[in-house]
Protein backbone atom coordinates (compact mmCIF):
# COMPACT_ATOMS: atom_id res chain seq x y z
CA ASP A 1 -58.89 -9.84 91.16
CA ASN A 2 -55.55 -11.65 91.36
CA HIS A 3 -53.31 -11.91 94.40
CA PHE A 4 -49.88 -10.67 93.41
CA CYS A 5 -48.59 -11.23 96.93
CA ALA A 6 -49.31 -13.65 99.75
CA VAL A 7 -48.10 -13.79 103.33
CA ASN A 8 -47.97 -16.38 106.09
CA PRO A 9 -46.27 -16.38 109.53
CA CYS A 10 -42.83 -17.12 107.96
CA PHE A 11 -42.71 -15.63 104.44
CA ILE A 12 -44.06 -13.10 101.99
CA ALA A 13 -44.32 -14.16 98.35
CA VAL A 14 -44.48 -11.54 95.59
CA VAL A 15 -45.16 -12.18 91.90
CA THR A 16 -42.63 -10.59 89.54
CA GLU A 17 -42.73 -10.03 85.83
CA CYS A 18 -40.09 -12.11 84.11
CA SER A 19 -39.36 -12.97 80.49
CA CYS A 20 -39.62 -16.63 79.46
CA GLY A 21 -42.33 -17.41 81.98
CA GLY A 22 -43.57 -16.31 85.33
CA ALA A 23 -41.73 -16.15 88.62
CA PHE A 24 -42.16 -15.01 92.19
CA PHE A 25 -39.98 -14.17 95.17
CA VAL A 26 -40.30 -15.88 98.55
CA ILE A 27 -38.82 -13.60 101.21
CA PRO A 28 -38.50 -14.43 104.92
CA LEU A 29 -40.44 -11.95 107.05
CA ASN A 30 -37.40 -11.25 109.20
CA GLN A 31 -35.39 -10.00 106.20
CA THR A 32 -35.11 -6.23 106.00
CA GLY A 33 -33.69 -3.78 103.51
CA LYS A 34 -33.29 -3.89 99.78
CA LEU A 35 -33.26 -7.19 97.87
CA ASP A 36 -30.18 -8.15 95.89
CA PRO A 37 -30.95 -7.92 92.13
CA HIS A 38 -29.88 -11.57 91.88
CA TYR A 39 -32.16 -12.73 94.72
CA PRO A 40 -33.43 -16.21 93.78
CA ARG A 41 -36.88 -16.51 92.26
CA VAL A 42 -39.26 -19.45 92.13
CA CYS A 43 -39.52 -20.15 88.39
CA GLY A 44 -41.21 -22.95 86.53
CA HIS A 45 -44.22 -21.68 84.63
CA GLY A 46 -44.28 -21.06 80.89
CA GLY A 47 -46.60 -18.06 81.24
CA ASN A 48 -47.15 -15.20 83.66
CA VAL A 49 -48.02 -16.20 87.22
CA LEU A 50 -51.62 -15.18 87.87
CA ASP A 51 -52.04 -16.07 91.53
CA ILE A 52 -50.18 -17.48 94.54
CA LYS A 53 -51.55 -18.86 97.78
CA TRP A 54 -49.89 -20.35 100.88
CA ASN A 55 -51.08 -23.66 102.26
CA PRO A 56 -53.01 -22.76 105.45
CA PHE A 57 -51.75 -25.94 107.15
CA ASN A 58 -48.08 -25.85 106.07
CA ASP A 59 -46.07 -22.61 106.18
CA PHE A 60 -43.46 -24.07 103.80
CA GLU A 61 -45.80 -24.93 100.90
CA ILE A 62 -47.17 -22.53 98.29
CA ALA A 63 -49.30 -23.00 95.17
CA SER A 64 -49.09 -20.93 92.01
CA CYS A 65 -51.15 -20.81 88.83
CA SER A 66 -50.19 -19.41 85.47
CA GLU A 67 -51.41 -18.29 82.07
CA ASP A 68 -49.91 -21.53 80.74
CA THR A 69 -52.91 -23.30 82.38
CA THR A 70 -50.83 -25.09 85.03
CA ILE A 71 -51.01 -25.14 88.80
CA LYS A 72 -47.82 -25.96 90.69
CA ILE A 73 -47.22 -26.79 94.34
CA TRP A 74 -43.84 -25.66 95.71
CA ASP A 75 -42.00 -26.76 98.84
CA ILE A 76 -39.98 -23.89 100.30
CA PRO A 77 -36.89 -25.07 102.23
CA LYS A 78 -36.55 -24.06 105.85
């Protein structure tokens, strides 16, 4: 029932499993090929990320919720 990926006109976001809390990638749609193993992740939750959702009115803002019972709003730089 969870969304482990979300897309908007600029980015795709994909939840990853990560020790010490949850994380997700934000990848520009125009990027192709394999991701570098050190590609930056959006980290900040103390538990696994359960869901992510883009703001329908702002392509550079995403919300995430976690098992640690928090919801966070993230600004993605252009």
